C-alpha atoms as a PDB file:
ATOM      1  CA  MET A   1     155.536 114.926 115.776  1.00  0.00           C
ATOM      2  CA  GLU A   2     152.173 113.311 116.375  1.00  0.00           C
ATOM      3  CA  ASN A   3     150.722 116.718 115.384  1.00  0.00           C
ATOM      4  CA  LEU A   4     152.777 116.737 112.596  1.00  0.00           C
ATOM      5  CA  GLY A   5     151.860 113.385 111.225  1.00  0.00           C
ATOM      6  CA  LEU A   6     148.237 114.235 111.426  1.00  0.00           C
ATOM      7  CA  GLY A   7     148.655 117.732 109.333  1.00  0.00           C
ATOM      8  CA  ILE A   8     150.517 115.879 106.371  1.00  0.00           C
ATOM      9  CA  LEU A   9     146.920 113.287 106.902  1.00  0.00           C
ATOM     10  CA  SER A  10     144.886 115.869 107.070  1.00  0.00           C
ATOM     11  CA  ALA A  11     146.799 117.461 103.881  1.00  0.00           C
ATOM     12  CA  LEU A  12     146.093 114.718 101.808  1.00  0.00           C
ATOM     13  CA  LEU A  13     143.002 114.028 102.893  1.00  0.00           C
ATOM     14  CA  GLY A  14     142.342 117.539 101.437  1.00  0.00           C
ATOM     15  CA  ILE A  15     144.206 117.438  98.404  1.00  0.00           C
ATOM     16  CA  GLY A  16     141.990 114.158  97.770  1.00  0.00           C
ATOM     17  CA  MET A  17     138.817 115.591  98.434  1.00  0.00           C
ATOM     18  CA  VAL A  18     140.209 118.622  95.722  1.00  0.00           C
ATOM     19  CA  VAL A  19     141.138 115.831  93.264  1.00  0.00           C
ATOM     20  CA  LEU A  20     138.100 113.560  93.499  1.00  0.00           C
ATOM     21  CA  ALA A  21     135.528 116.776  92.848  1.00  0.00           C
ATOM     22  CA  VAL A  22     137.717 117.600  89.932  1.00  0.00           C
ATOM     23  CA  LEU A  23     137.338 114.576  88.131  1.00  0.00           C
ATOM     24  CA  THR A  24     133.618 114.007  89.364  1.00  0.00           C
ATOM     25  CA  HIS A  25     132.897 117.597  87.731  1.00  0.00           C
ATOM     26  CA  ARG A  26     135.235 116.428  83.988  1.00  0.00           C
ATOM     27  CA  ALA A  27     133.352 112.903  84.605  1.00  0.00           C
ATOM     28  CA  SER A  28     129.459 115.263  84.171  1.00  0.00           C
ATOM     29  CA  ARG A  29     130.673 117.415  81.512  1.00  0.00           C
ATOM     30  CA  THR A  30     131.856 114.075  79.548  1.00  0.00           C
ATOM     31  CA  ARG A  31     128.523 112.670  80.281  1.00  0.00           C
ATOM     32  CA  GLN A  32     126.594 115.742  79.514  1.00  0.00           C
ATOM     33  CA  SER A  33     128.618 116.351  76.091  1.00  0.00           C
ATOM     34  CA  LEU A  34     128.064 112.801  75.446  1.00  0.00           C
ATOM     35  CA  ARG A  35     124.220 112.592  75.898  1.00  0.00           C
ATOM     36  CA  HIS A  36     123.250 115.902  74.272  1.00  0.00           C
ATOM     37  CA  ALA A  37     125.005 114.033  70.788  1.00  0.00           C
ATOM     38  CA  TYR A  38     123.188 111.033  71.871  1.00  0.00           C
ATOM     39  CA  LEU A  39     120.398 111.894  69.113  1.00  0.00           C
ATOM     40  CA  GLY A  40     122.367 114.051  66.997  1.00  0.00           C
ATOM     41  CA  ASP A  41     123.035 111.589  63.895  1.00  0.00           C
ATOM     42  CA  CYS A  42     119.351 111.079  63.814  1.00  0.00           C
ATOM     43  CA  ALA A  43     118.350 115.208  63.668  1.00  0.00           C
ATOM     44  CA  GLY A  44     119.966 114.653  59.655  1.00  0.00           C
ATOM     45  CA  LEU A  45     116.485 112.599  59.068  1.00  0.00           C
ATOM     46  CA  PHE A  46     114.073 115.664  60.595  1.00  0.00           C
ATOM     47  CA  ASP A  47     113.668 119.200  58.103  1.00  0.00           C
ATOM     48  CA  ASN A  48     113.236 122.148  60.753  1.00  0.00           C
ATOM     49  CA  ALA A  49     115.040 119.973  63.718  1.00  0.00           C
ATOM     50  CA  ARG A  50     115.389 121.676  66.825  1.00  0.00           C
ATOM     51  CA  LEU A  51     117.399 119.509  70.561  1.00  0.00           C
ATOM     52  CA  ALA A  52     116.767 120.614  73.696  1.00  0.00           C
ATOM     53  CA  ALA A  53     119.644 120.451  75.732  1.00  0.00           C
ATOM     54  CA  ILE A  54     117.630 119.025  79.457  1.00  0.00           C
ATOM     55  CA  PRO A  55     120.269 119.712  81.939  1.00  0.00           C
ATOM     56  CA  GLY A  56     121.324 116.200  83.605  1.00  0.00           C
ATOM     57  CA  ARG A  57     119.024 114.705  81.043  1.00  0.00           C
ATOM     58  CA  PHE A  58     119.242 113.444  77.306  1.00  0.00           C
ATOM     59  CA  PRO A  59     118.376 115.489  75.258  1.00  0.00           C
ATOM     60  CA  ARG A  60     114.935 115.428  73.167  1.00  0.00           C
ATOM     61  CA  LEU A  61     114.680 116.342  69.557  1.00  0.00           C
ATOM     62  CA  ASN A  62     111.650 116.971  67.220  1.00  0.00           C
ATOM     63  CA  GLY A  63     111.105 118.135  63.500  1.00  0.00           C
ATOM     64  CA  HIS A  64     109.277 117.155  60.864  1.00  0.00           C
ATOM     65  CA  TYR A  65     110.085 113.760  58.998  1.00  0.00           C
ATOM     66  CA  ARG A  66     108.213 113.133  55.278  1.00  0.00           C
ATOM     67  CA  GLY A  67     105.577 116.133  56.448  1.00  0.00           C
ATOM     68  CA  HIS A  68     104.706 115.002  60.047  1.00  0.00           C
ATOM     69  CA  LEU A  69     106.146 116.580  63.277  1.00  0.00           C
ATOM     70  CA  PHE A  70     107.717 114.127  65.468  1.00  0.00           C
ATOM     71  CA  ASP A  71     108.972 114.556  69.136  1.00  0.00           C
ATOM     72  CA  ILE A  72     112.160 112.040  70.339  1.00  0.00           C
ATOM     73  CA  GLN A  73     113.131 111.013  73.924  1.00  0.00           C
ATOM     74  CA  ALA A  74     115.785 109.429  75.336  1.00  0.00           C
ATOM     75  CA  VAL A  75     114.194 107.904  78.566  1.00  0.00           C
ATOM     76  CA  PRO A  76     116.891 105.629  81.164  1.00  0.00           C
ATOM     77  CA  ASP A  77     115.444 102.864  83.062  1.00  0.00           C
ATOM     78  CA  THR A  78     118.054 101.928  86.279  1.00  0.00           C
ATOM     79  CA  LEU A  79     115.100 100.460  88.464  1.00  0.00           C
ATOM     80  CA  THR A  80     117.112  97.702  90.604  1.00  0.00           C
ATOM     81  CA  PHE A  81     115.037  95.425  90.029  1.00  0.00           C
ATOM     82  CA  ARG A  82     116.060  94.947  86.191  1.00  0.00           C
ATOM     83  CA  LYS A  83     118.341  92.855  85.553  1.00  0.00           C
ATOM     84  CA  LEU A  84     120.440  95.597  83.720  1.00  0.00           C
ATOM     85  CA  PRO A  85     119.655  99.261  83.266  1.00  0.00           C
ATOM     86  CA  ALA A  86     118.591 100.068  79.726  1.00  0.00           C
ATOM     87  CA  LEU A  87     118.095 103.121  77.847  1.00  0.00           C
ATOM     88  CA  TRP A  88     114.558 103.396  76.010  1.00  0.00           C
ATOM     89  CA  VAL A  89     113.672 105.676  72.519  1.00  0.00           C
ATOM     90  CA  LEU A  90     110.330 106.604  72.578  1.00  0.00           C
ATOM     91  CA  VAL A  91     109.153 107.937  68.527  1.00  0.00           C
ATOM     92  CA  THR A  92     105.531 110.220  69.503  1.00  0.00           C
ATOM     93  CA  LEU A  93     103.969 111.586  65.992  1.00  0.00           C
ATOM     94  CA  PRO A  94     101.936 114.414  68.170  1.00  0.00           C
ATOM     95  CA  ALA A  95      98.824 114.754  65.869  1.00  0.00           C
ATOM     96  CA  PRO A  96      94.881 115.224  66.142  1.00  0.00           C
ATOM     97  CA  LEU A  97      92.949 111.758  65.499  1.00  0.00           C
ATOM     98  CA  PRO A  98      89.444 110.466  64.730  1.00  0.00           C
ATOM     99  CA  LEU A  99      90.071 107.984  68.022  1.00  0.00           C
ATOM    100  CA  ARG A 100      87.398 107.615  70.921  1.00  0.00           C
ATOM    101  CA  ALA A 101      89.870 105.418  72.702  1.00  0.00           C
ATOM    102  CA  THR A 102      93.673 105.372  73.605  1.00  0.00           C
ATOM    103  CA  LEU A 103      95.149 101.442  72.979  1.00  0.00           C
ATOM    104  CA  ASP A 104      98.033 100.261  74.753  1.00  0.00           C
ATOM    105  CA  PHE A 105     100.097  97.745  73.520  1.00  0.00           C
ATOM    106  CA  MET A 106     102.745  96.296  75.135  1.00  0.00           C
ATOM    107  CA  VAL A 107     104.806  93.275  75.682  1.00  0.00           C
ATOM    108  CA  ARG A 108     106.684  91.453  78.373  1.00  0.00           C
ATOM    109  CA  SER A 109     105.198  93.956  80.821  1.00  0.00           C
ATOM    110  CA  THR A 110     107.003  94.104  84.095  1.00  0.00           C
ATOM    111  CA  GLY A 111     104.359  96.220  85.830  1.00  0.00           C
ATOM    112  CA  ILE A 112     106.254  99.354  85.902  1.00  0.00           C
ATOM    113  CA  GLU A 113     107.446 100.645  82.980  1.00  0.00           C
ATOM    114  CA  PRO A 114     109.058 104.164  83.689  1.00  0.00           C
ATOM    115  CA  PHE A 115     107.691 105.336  80.348  1.00  0.00           C
ATOM    116  CA  SER A 116     104.790 104.476  79.830  1.00  0.00           C
ATOM    117  CA  ASN A 117     101.332 105.154  80.863  1.00  0.00           C
ATOM    118  CA  PHE A 118      99.602 101.589  80.265  1.00  0.00           C
ATOM    119  CA  GLN A 119      99.007 100.380  83.896  1.00  0.00           C
ATOM    120  CA  THR A 120      96.977 103.679  84.567  1.00  0.00           C
ATOM    121  CA  LEU A 121      94.439 102.129  81.900  1.00  0.00           C
ATOM    122  CA  PRO A 122      91.647 100.998  83.405  1.00  0.00           C
ATOM    123  CA  ASP A 123      90.821  98.054  81.078  1.00  0.00           C
ATOM    124  CA  GLN A 124      93.157  95.132  79.707  1.00  0.00           C
ATOM    125  CA  ILE A 125      91.716  93.499  76.813  1.00  0.00           C
ATOM    126  CA  ALA A 126      92.983  90.957  74.271  1.00  0.00           C
ATOM    127  CA  PRO A 127      94.722  91.583  71.440  1.00  0.00           C
ATOM    128  CA  PRO A 128      93.820  91.466  67.915  1.00  0.00           C
ATOM    129  CA  PRO A 129      95.159  88.264  66.016  1.00  0.00           C
ATOM    130  CA  GLY A 130      98.368  88.536  65.183  1.00  0.00           C
ATOM    131  CA  PHE A 131     100.078  90.491  68.073  1.00  0.00           C
ATOM    132  CA  PRO A 132     103.295  88.644  69.601  1.00  0.00           C
ATOM    133  CA  GLU A 133     101.561  86.216  72.579  1.00  0.00           C
ATOM    134  CA  ASP A 134     103.250  88.192  75.298  1.00  0.00           C
ATOM    135  CA  CYS A 135     101.732  90.952  74.122  1.00  0.00           C
ATOM    136  CA  ARG A 136      99.000  93.142  76.799  1.00  0.00           C
ATOM    137  CA  LEU A 137      96.513  95.497  75.076  1.00  0.00           C
ATOM    138  CA  ARG A 138      95.171  98.072  77.844  1.00  0.00           C
ATOM    139  CA  THR A 139      92.524 100.653  77.159  1.00  0.00           C
ATOM    140  CA  ASP A 140      90.828 103.267  78.606  1.00  0.00           C
ATOM    141  CA  ASP A 141      87.383 102.737  76.310  1.00  0.00           C
ATOM    142  CA  PRO A 142      86.885  98.736  75.462  1.00  0.00           C
ATOM    143  CA  THR A 143      84.070 100.139  73.789  1.00  0.00           C
ATOM    144  CA  GLU A 144      85.219 102.220  71.057  1.00  0.00           C
ATOM    145  CA  LEU A 145      88.038 100.435  69.863  1.00  0.00           C
ATOM    146  CA  PRO A 146      88.989 101.188  66.059  1.00  0.00           C
ATOM    147  CA  PRO A 147      88.414  98.170  63.466  1.00  0.00           C
ATOM    148  CA  GLN A 148      90.780  95.132  63.855  1.00  0.00           C
ATOM    149  CA  SER A 149      91.242  95.682  59.720  1.00  0.00           C
ATOM    150  CA  VAL A 150      92.846  98.588  60.790  1.00  0.00           C
ATOM    151  CA  LEU A 151      95.032  97.695  63.556  1.00  0.00           C
ATOM    152  CA  ILE A 152      95.778  94.004  62.602  1.00  0.00           C
ATOM    153  CA  PRO A 153      98.350  95.046  59.329  1.00  0.00           C
ATOM    154  CA  HIS A 154     100.378  97.468  61.808  1.00  0.00           C
ATOM    155  CA  ALA A 155     101.318  93.946  64.636  1.00  0.00           C
ATOM    156  CA  ALA A 156     104.551  93.898  62.336  1.00  0.00           C
ATOM    157  CA  ILE A 157     105.626  96.794  64.289  1.00  0.00           C
ATOM    158  CA  PHE A 158     106.401  94.013  67.234  1.00  0.00           C
ATOM    159  CA  ASP A 159     108.385  91.690  64.499  1.00  0.00           C
ATOM    160  CA  ASP A 160     111.278  94.180  65.655  1.00  0.00           C
ATOM    161  CA  PRO A 161     112.192  92.418  69.159  1.00  0.00           C
ATOM    162  CA  ARG A 162     113.258  95.688  70.374  1.00  0.00           C
ATOM    163  CA  VAL A 163     109.958  97.212  70.350  1.00  0.00           C
ATOM    164  CA  LYS A 164     108.157  97.485  73.956  1.00  0.00           C
ATOM    165  CA  GLU A 165     104.817  99.560  73.594  1.00  0.00           C
ATOM    166  CA  LEU A 166     102.649 101.088  70.669  1.00  0.00           C
ATOM    167  CA  VAL A 167     100.397 103.127  71.862  1.00  0.00           C
ATOM    168  CA  LEU A 168      97.455 104.920  69.993  1.00  0.00           C
ATOM    169  CA  SER A 169      95.310 108.315  71.290  1.00  0.00           C
ATOM    170  CA  PRO A 170      93.225 110.997  69.867  1.00  0.00           C
ATOM    171  CA  LYS A 171      96.292 112.969  70.493  1.00  0.00           C
ATOM    172  CA  GLY A 172      98.742 111.012  68.776  1.00  0.00           C
ATOM    173  CA  LEU A 173     100.835 107.926  68.061  1.00  0.00           C
ATOM    174  CA  ARG A 174     103.487 106.310  69.773  1.00  0.00           C
ATOM    175  CA  ILE A 175     106.362 103.294  69.615  1.00  0.00           C
ATOM    176  CA  THR A 176     108.478 102.668  72.462  1.00  0.00           C
ATOM    177  CA  PHE A 177     111.478 100.370  72.132  1.00  0.00           C
ATOM    178  CA  LEU A 178     115.167  99.594  73.489  1.00  0.00           C
ATOM    179  CA  ALA A 179     118.099 101.346  72.196  1.00  0.00           C
ATOM    180  CA  GLU A 180     120.737 100.001  74.910  1.00  0.00           C
ATOM    181  CA  GLU A 181     121.533  98.300  77.693  1.00  0.00           C
ATOM    182  CA  ALA A 182     124.576  98.532  80.059  1.00  0.00           C
ATOM    183  CA  ASN A 183     127.576  96.119  79.888  1.00  0.00           C
ATOM    184  CA  ARG A 184     126.799  93.167  81.959  1.00  0.00           C
ATOM    185  CA  GLY A 185     130.453  93.437  83.290  1.00  0.00           C
ATOM    186  CA  ARG A 186     130.945  96.269  84.003  1.00  0.00           C
ATOM    187  CA  TYR A 187     127.570  96.537  86.092  1.00  0.00           C
ATOM    188  CA  LEU A 188     127.809  93.457  87.645  1.00  0.00           C
ATOM    189  CA  ILE A 189     131.381  94.604  88.944  1.00  0.00           C
ATOM    190  CA  PHE A 190     130.901  98.207  89.389  1.00  0.00           C
ATOM    191  CA  ARG A 191     127.681  98.993  89.176  1.00  0.00           C
ATOM    192  CA  ASP A 192     128.229 101.133  86.214  1.00  0.00           C
ATOM    193  CA  ALA A 193     124.576 101.500  84.373  1.00  0.00           C
ATOM    194  CA  GLU A 194     126.373 104.665  82.271  1.00  0.00           C
ATOM    195  CA  LEU A 195     124.245 105.010  78.871  1.00  0.00           C
ATOM    196  CA  GLY A 196     124.250 106.586  75.600  1.00  0.00           C
ATOM    197  CA  ALA A 197     127.765 107.207  75.674  1.00  0.00           C
ATOM    198  CA  VAL A 198     127.789 105.909  71.519  1.00  0.00           C
ATOM    199  CA  PRO A 199     124.768 108.180  69.419  1.00  0.00           C
ATOM    200  CA  LEU A 200     121.763 106.396  68.351  1.00  0.00           C
ATOM    201  CA  PRO A 201     122.346 105.356  64.738  1.00  0.00           C
ATOM    202  CA  ARG A 202     119.348 106.580  62.768  1.00  0.00           C
ATOM    203  CA  ARG A 203     118.888 103.145  60.674  1.00  0.00           C
ATOM    204  CA  ASP A 204     117.075 103.133  64.353  1.00  0.00           C
ATOM    205  CA  LEU A 205     114.628 105.143  64.165  1.00  0.00           C
ATOM    206  CA  VAL A 206     113.725 105.390  60.552  1.00  0.00           C
ATOM    207  CA  ALA A 207     111.303 101.939  60.623  1.00  0.00           C
ATOM    208  CA  HIS A 208     109.592 103.390  63.293  1.00  0.00           C
ATOM    209  CA  LEU A 209     109.424 106.599  62.108  1.00  0.00           C
ATOM    210  CA  ASP A 210     107.836 105.438  58.428  1.00  0.00           C
ATOM    211  CA  ALA A 211     105.638 102.971  60.733  1.00  0.00           C
ATOM    212  CA  LEU A 212     104.201 105.913  62.768  1.00  0.00           C
ATOM    213  CA  VAL A 213     103.131 107.188  59.596  1.00  0.00           C
ATOM    214  CA  SER A 214     101.611 104.641  57.815  1.00  0.00           C
ATOM    215  CA  LEU A 215      99.537 103.485  61.233  1.00  0.00           C
ATOM    216  CA  LYS A 216      98.202 107.487  60.704  1.00  0.00           C
ATOM    217  CA  ALA A 217      97.448 107.541  57.100  1.00  0.00           C
ATOM    218  CA  ASP A 218      95.375 103.886  57.974  1.00  0.00           C
ATOM    219  CA  ILE A 219      93.113 105.739  60.866  1.00  0.00           C
ATOM    220  CA  LEU A 220      92.256 108.950  59.255  1.00  0.00           C
ATOM    221  CA  ASP A 221      91.115 106.826  55.875  1.00  0.00           C
ATOM    222  CA  LEU A 222      88.476 105.453  59.155  1.00  0.00           C
ATOM    223  CA  GLU A 223      87.226 109.179  59.138  1.00  0.00           C
ATOM    224  CA  ALA A 224      87.286 109.698  54.968  1.00  0.00           C
ATOM    225  CA  ALA A 225      85.500 105.885  54.772  1.00  0.00           C
ATOM    226  CA  PRO A 226      83.186 105.918  58.005  1.00  0.00           C
ATOM    227  CA  GLU A 227      81.974 102.230  57.133  1.00  0.00           C
ATOM    228  CA  ARG A 228      85.391 100.892  57.835  1.00  0.00           C
ATOM    229  CA  LYS A 229      84.322 101.612  61.752  1.00  0.00           C
ATOM    230  CA  SER A 230      81.809  98.866  61.343  1.00  0.00           C
ATOM    231  CA  ALA A 231      84.090  95.976  59.824  1.00  0.00           C
END
């Protein structure tokens, strides 16, 4: 009788493990499907849009907007010291620019931003007037900064409280903004940190695309009007 009971228990455990494996597999497929669709609405903004699927991660979107090539990435941040897990979107305009230094403007820096190289830049300096009080500026060469007359008009990028970072470099430009935070109740009770279940609306992206196009134009004007470098 005892052996029969153990046999039934073992069978039930086996069935439970199979059911758990099936449910886990289904959840994984659902998660990947949702993530693949995350940038789907935004793809309509671009000419020759291309969504590159990355197993286990969010896809990467690139294409041309107003004649400029853009690269869009969604990066989850689930570091345990954060109040809530977050999903960041990196909007990058890769293009050679007449800059001799990298500038990284960061607001509310925690010291560990998984999407950024902010902490690796050696020099921290005061940002120009007009940038938020909690904004920090780091660079790899403080002697080669573009003139403040170019930078100050673009401080308005940080008027959007979701914007976290603005990067200018000889290789291109980037804005990083907060797209989503995990549901507080589900995270605190169930430790559910799932992000990206709802596609990113294209309206959340347009302003950042336009801001980088405008900033690129002003930087290129430096090359066309070199006397502004001393402004």
